[in-house]
Amino acid sequence: MTDLPSPSAPAAAPAALTFVRHLDGLRHRFARAGEANGRPAYRRTDGDVWCLWSPAEGWHCAIGDGRVTAHPLDAPADAPHPPATVWHSFKDDRSYLYDLRADD
């Protein structure tokens, strides 16, 4: 009898994330900080900025007052973890592109 491959378990949520700005390489690190809406939530290590998922916004970043400041570009809104892709950030009159990298 041959062994059948077992279904792979879903990938674990990364312990941390790093957003790397295209313009100048500036890095913002986010650490895992529990869950929001049944998915992992991450808080920026130097401020009150969150990367999280909600049914209304999908994956996004928000500042402490709840204002959305970033979304991933061309990624499924319902992914189980923040998508490691290009993100567009916007706040007031500033706008940047970032690469999101998962840190294990």
N, C-alpha and C. Protein backbone atom coordinates (compact mmCIF):
# COMPACT_ATOMS: atom_id res chain seq x y z
N MET A 1 0.85 -1.18 0.00
CA MET A 1 0.00 0.00 0.00
C MET A 1 0.89 1.24 0.00
N THR A 2 0.54 2.19 -0.83
CA THR A 2 1.34 3.42 -0.90
C THR A 2 0.77 4.46 0.04
N ASP A 3 1.65 5.27 0.57
CA ASP A 3 1.22 6.36 1.44
C ASP A 3 0.73 7.51 0.59
N LEU A 4 -0.42 8.00 0.92
CA LEU A 4 -0.96 9.17 0.23
C LEU A 4 -0.49 10.43 0.94
N PRO A 5 -0.21 11.47 0.17
CA PRO A 5 0.21 12.71 0.84
C PRO A 5 -0.94 13.25 1.68
N SER A 6 -0.58 13.77 2.84
CA SER A 6 -1.61 14.37 3.69
C SER A 6 -1.83 15.81 3.27
N PRO A 7 -3.04 16.29 3.45
CA PRO A 7 -3.27 17.69 3.09
C PRO A 7 -2.38 18.59 3.93
N SER A 8 -1.84 19.59 3.31
CA SER A 8 -0.95 20.49 4.05
C SER A 8 -1.78 21.39 4.96
N ALA A 9 -1.21 21.64 6.12
CA ALA A 9 -1.86 22.54 7.08
C ALA A 9 -1.70 23.97 6.58
N PRO A 10 -2.65 24.83 6.93
CA PRO A 10 -2.50 26.22 6.53
C PRO A 10 -1.23 26.82 7.13
N ALA A 11 -0.60 27.68 6.39
CA ALA A 11 0.63 28.32 6.87
C ALA A 11 0.32 29.16 8.11
N ALA A 12 1.24 29.10 9.05
CA ALA A 12 1.08 29.88 10.28
C ALA A 12 1.24 31.36 9.96
N ALA A 13 0.56 32.17 10.73
CA ALA A 13 0.67 33.62 10.56
C ALA A 13 2.08 34.06 10.94
N PRO A 14 2.67 34.98 10.19
CA PRO A 14 4.00 35.46 10.53
C PRO A 14 4.01 36.14 11.91
N ALA A 15 5.14 36.06 12.59
CA ALA A 15 5.29 36.70 13.89
C ALA A 15 5.41 38.21 13.76
N ALA A 16 5.90 38.66 12.61
CA ALA A 16 6.11 40.10 12.41
C ALA A 16 6.08 40.40 10.91
N LEU A 17 5.89 41.66 10.60
CA LEU A 17 5.86 42.15 9.23
C LEU A 17 6.79 43.35 9.12
N THR A 18 7.34 43.56 7.93
CA THR A 18 8.10 44.77 7.67
C THR A 18 7.59 45.38 6.37
N PHE A 19 7.24 46.65 6.43
CA PHE A 19 6.88 47.42 5.24
C PHE A 19 8.12 48.20 4.81
N VAL A 20 8.53 48.05 3.55
CA VAL A 20 9.72 48.72 3.03
C VAL A 20 9.28 49.69 1.94
N ARG A 21 9.53 50.98 2.19
CA ARG A 21 9.09 52.02 1.26
C ARG A 21 9.94 52.03 0.00
N HIS A 22 9.28 52.05 -1.16
CA HIS A 22 9.97 52.05 -2.46
C HIS A 22 10.87 53.27 -2.62
N LEU A 23 10.42 54.41 -2.22
CA LEU A 23 11.13 55.67 -2.46
C LEU A 23 12.54 55.68 -1.89
N ASP A 24 12.69 55.23 -0.65
CA ASP A 24 13.97 55.39 0.04
C ASP A 24 14.38 54.22 0.92
N GLY A 25 13.61 53.13 0.91
CA GLY A 25 13.97 51.96 1.71
C GLY A 25 13.62 52.06 3.19
N LEU A 26 12.93 53.12 3.59
CA LEU A 26 12.50 53.26 4.99
C LEU A 26 11.70 52.03 5.39
N ARG A 27 11.95 51.52 6.60
CA ARG A 27 11.29 50.31 7.07
C ARG A 27 10.41 50.60 8.27
N HIS A 28 9.22 50.02 8.25
CA HIS A 28 8.32 50.07 9.40
C HIS A 28 8.05 48.63 9.81
N ARG A 29 8.36 48.30 11.05
CA ARG A 29 8.18 46.93 11.54
C ARG A 29 6.90 46.84 12.37
N PHE A 30 6.15 45.77 12.14
CA PHE A 30 4.91 45.48 12.85
C PHE A 30 5.06 44.14 13.55
N ALA A 31 4.65 44.04 14.81
CA ALA A 31 4.71 42.80 15.58
C ALA A 31 3.30 42.25 15.76
N ARG A 32 3.18 40.95 15.79
CA ARG A 32 1.88 40.30 16.00
C ARG A 32 1.32 40.76 17.34
N ALA A 33 0.05 41.15 17.33
CA ALA A 33 -0.60 41.69 18.54
C ALA A 33 -2.01 41.14 18.65
N GLY A 34 -2.13 39.83 18.67
CA GLY A 34 -3.44 39.21 18.83
C GLY A 34 -4.18 39.05 17.52
N GLU A 35 -5.52 39.12 17.63
CA GLU A 35 -6.37 38.95 16.46
C GLU A 35 -7.42 40.05 16.40
N ALA A 36 -7.92 40.26 15.19
CA ALA A 36 -9.06 41.17 14.95
C ALA A 36 -9.93 40.49 13.91
N ASN A 37 -11.19 40.35 14.19
CA ASN A 37 -12.13 39.73 13.25
C ASN A 37 -11.69 38.32 12.85
N GLY A 38 -11.10 37.58 13.78
CA GLY A 38 -10.71 36.20 13.53
C GLY A 38 -9.45 36.00 12.72
N ARG A 39 -8.68 37.07 12.48
CA ARG A 39 -7.43 36.96 11.72
C ARG A 39 -6.33 37.67 12.50
N PRO A 40 -5.07 37.37 12.17
CA PRO A 40 -3.97 38.00 12.92
C PRO A 40 -3.98 39.52 12.76
N ALA A 41 -3.60 40.20 13.83
CA ALA A 41 -3.47 41.66 13.81
C ALA A 41 -2.04 42.01 14.19
N TYR A 42 -1.53 43.09 13.62
CA TYR A 42 -0.15 43.51 13.83
C TYR A 42 -0.13 44.99 14.19
N ARG A 43 0.72 45.34 15.17
CA ARG A 43 0.86 46.74 15.58
C ARG A 43 2.27 47.20 15.28
N ARG A 44 2.37 48.41 14.73
CA ARG A 44 3.68 48.98 14.43
C ARG A 44 4.46 49.14 15.72
N THR A 45 5.73 48.78 15.69
CA THR A 45 6.53 48.77 16.91
C THR A 45 6.85 50.16 17.44
N ASP A 46 6.69 51.19 16.64
CA ASP A 46 7.02 52.54 17.10
C ASP A 46 5.81 53.48 17.10
N GLY A 47 4.60 52.94 17.13
CA GLY A 47 3.44 53.84 17.14
C GLY A 47 2.13 53.09 17.12
N ASP A 48 1.06 53.85 17.09
CA ASP A 48 -0.29 53.28 17.13
C ASP A 48 -0.84 53.15 15.70
N VAL A 49 -0.21 52.29 14.93
CA VAL A 49 -0.63 51.97 13.57
C VAL A 49 -0.81 50.46 13.51
N TRP A 50 -1.90 50.03 12.92
CA TRP A 50 -2.25 48.61 12.88
C TRP A 50 -2.35 48.10 11.46
N CYS A 51 -1.99 46.82 11.26
CA CYS A 51 -2.25 46.10 10.02
C CYS A 51 -3.21 44.99 10.41
N LEU A 52 -4.41 45.02 9.84
CA LEU A 52 -5.44 44.07 10.24
C LEU A 52 -6.45 43.86 9.14
N TRP A 53 -7.36 42.92 9.36
CA TRP A 53 -8.39 42.59 8.40
C TRP A 53 -9.75 42.92 8.99
N SER A 54 -10.64 43.43 8.14
CA SER A 54 -12.04 43.63 8.53
C SER A 54 -12.92 43.26 7.35
N PRO A 55 -14.17 42.87 7.62
CA PRO A 55 -15.06 42.52 6.51
C PRO A 55 -15.29 43.69 5.54
N ALA A 56 -15.30 44.91 6.04
CA ALA A 56 -15.57 46.07 5.19
C ALA A 56 -14.36 46.51 4.37
N GLU A 57 -13.15 46.40 4.92
CA GLU A 57 -11.96 46.93 4.26
C GLU A 57 -11.03 45.86 3.71
N GLY A 58 -11.21 44.59 4.10
CA GLY A 58 -10.22 43.58 3.77
C GLY A 58 -8.95 43.88 4.55
N TRP A 59 -7.81 43.47 4.03
CA TRP A 59 -6.54 43.79 4.69
C TRP A 59 -6.24 45.27 4.50
N HIS A 60 -5.81 45.91 5.56
CA HIS A 60 -5.52 47.34 5.52
C HIS A 60 -4.66 47.74 6.71
N CYS A 61 -4.15 48.95 6.67
CA CYS A 61 -3.50 49.56 7.82
C CYS A 61 -4.37 50.72 8.27
N ALA A 62 -4.39 50.93 9.58
CA ALA A 62 -5.19 52.03 10.14
C ALA A 62 -4.43 52.63 11.31
N ILE A 63 -4.63 53.92 11.50
CA ILE A 63 -4.04 54.58 12.66
C ILE A 63 -5.00 54.44 13.84
N GLY A 64 -4.56 54.86 15.01
CA GLY A 64 -5.29 54.64 16.24
C GLY A 64 -6.73 55.09 16.25
N ASP A 65 -7.07 56.13 15.51
CA ASP A 65 -8.46 56.60 15.51
C ASP A 65 -9.34 55.81 14.53
N GLY A 66 -8.75 54.79 13.88
CA GLY A 66 -9.50 53.95 12.95
C GLY A 66 -9.43 54.38 11.50
N ARG A 67 -8.78 55.50 11.22
CA ARG A 67 -8.67 55.97 9.83
C ARG A 67 -7.78 55.03 9.02
N VAL A 68 -8.28 54.54 7.91
CA VAL A 68 -7.54 53.64 7.03
C VAL A 68 -6.46 54.43 6.31
N THR A 69 -5.23 53.88 6.30
CA THR A 69 -4.10 54.58 5.69
C THR A 69 -3.36 53.77 4.64
N ALA A 70 -3.74 52.51 4.42
CA ALA A 70 -3.06 51.70 3.40
C ALA A 70 -3.89 50.48 3.05
N HIS A 71 -3.73 50.04 1.79
CA HIS A 71 -4.34 48.81 1.28
C HIS A 71 -3.34 48.10 0.38
N PRO A 72 -3.41 46.78 0.29
CA PRO A 72 -2.57 46.08 -0.68
C PRO A 72 -3.11 46.31 -2.09
N LEU A 73 -2.21 46.31 -3.05
CA LEU A 73 -2.59 46.41 -4.46
C LEU A 73 -2.69 45.01 -5.04
N ASP A 74 -3.70 44.76 -5.83
CA ASP A 74 -3.83 43.50 -6.57
C ASP A 74 -3.62 42.26 -5.71
N ALA A 75 -4.35 42.18 -4.61
CA ALA A 75 -4.27 41.00 -3.74
C ALA A 75 -5.68 40.64 -3.28
N PRO A 76 -5.92 39.37 -3.00
CA PRO A 76 -7.25 38.98 -2.53
C PRO A 76 -7.56 39.63 -1.18
N ALA A 77 -8.74 40.20 -1.08
CA ALA A 77 -9.13 40.91 0.14
C ALA A 77 -9.36 39.96 1.31
N ASP A 78 -9.59 38.68 1.01
CA ASP A 78 -9.93 37.75 2.08
C ASP A 78 -8.82 36.76 2.39
N ALA A 79 -7.58 37.06 2.06
CA ALA A 79 -6.45 36.18 2.36
C ALA A 79 -6.36 35.94 3.88
N PRO A 80 -5.86 34.79 4.30
CA PRO A 80 -5.79 34.51 5.73
C PRO A 80 -4.75 35.34 6.49
N HIS A 81 -3.75 35.86 5.75
CA HIS A 81 -2.69 36.69 6.35
C HIS A 81 -2.49 37.93 5.48
N PRO A 82 -1.88 38.97 6.01
CA PRO A 82 -1.61 40.13 5.16
C PRO A 82 -0.79 39.73 3.94
N PRO A 83 -1.23 40.08 2.75
CA PRO A 83 -0.53 39.63 1.54
C PRO A 83 0.83 40.31 1.36
N ALA A 84 1.84 39.48 1.08
CA ALA A 84 3.20 39.96 0.83
C ALA A 84 3.25 40.46 -0.60
N THR A 85 2.85 41.71 -0.78
CA THR A 85 2.76 42.33 -2.09
C THR A 85 3.00 43.82 -1.91
N VAL A 86 2.77 44.58 -2.95
CA VAL A 86 2.90 46.03 -2.88
C VAL A 86 1.66 46.61 -2.21
N TRP A 87 1.88 47.52 -1.28
CA TRP A 87 0.80 48.23 -0.58
C TRP A 87 0.89 49.72 -0.91
N HIS A 88 -0.26 50.36 -1.01
CA HIS A 88 -0.34 51.80 -1.25
C HIS A 88 -0.75 52.47 0.05
N SER A 89 0.09 53.36 0.56
CA SER A 89 -0.26 54.10 1.77
C SER A 89 -0.66 55.52 1.40
N PHE A 90 -1.55 56.08 2.18
CA PHE A 90 -2.04 57.43 1.92
C PHE A 90 -2.48 58.04 3.24
N LYS A 91 -2.04 59.26 3.48
CA LYS A 91 -2.44 59.99 4.68
C LYS A 91 -2.26 61.46 4.36
N ASP A 92 -3.35 62.20 4.54
CA ASP A 92 -3.34 63.62 4.19
C ASP A 92 -2.89 63.77 2.74
N ASP A 93 -1.83 64.55 2.49
CA ASP A 93 -1.41 64.77 1.11
C ASP A 93 -0.24 63.89 0.69
N ARG A 94 0.11 62.88 1.51
CA ARG A 94 1.23 61.99 1.21
C ARG A 94 0.73 60.65 0.69
N SER A 95 1.52 60.06 -0.20
CA SER A 95 1.17 58.76 -0.77
C SER A 95 2.46 58.04 -1.12
N TYR A 96 2.58 56.77 -0.69
CA TYR A 96 3.78 55.99 -0.94
C TYR A 96 3.41 54.56 -1.32
N LEU A 97 4.36 53.86 -1.93
CA LEU A 97 4.25 52.44 -2.18
C LEU A 97 5.25 51.72 -1.28
N TYR A 98 4.80 50.59 -0.72
CA TYR A 98 5.62 49.77 0.16
C TYR A 98 5.56 48.32 -0.27
N ASP A 99 6.64 47.58 -0.06
CA ASP A 99 6.62 46.13 -0.17
C ASP A 99 6.39 45.59 1.22
N LEU A 100 5.46 44.66 1.36
CA LEU A 100 5.25 44.01 2.64
C LEU A 100 6.02 42.70 2.66
N ARG A 101 6.80 42.50 3.70
CA ARG A 101 7.59 41.29 3.86
C ARG A 101 7.22 40.62 5.18
N ALA A 102 6.95 39.35 5.14
CA ALA A 102 6.65 38.59 6.35
C ALA A 102 7.96 38.20 7.02
N ASP A 103 8.05 38.41 8.32
CA ASP A 103 9.23 38.03 9.11
C ASP A 103 8.84 36.84 9.96
N ASP A 104 9.54 35.74 9.79
CA ASP A 104 9.21 34.54 10.58
C ASP A 104 10.02 34.45 11.85
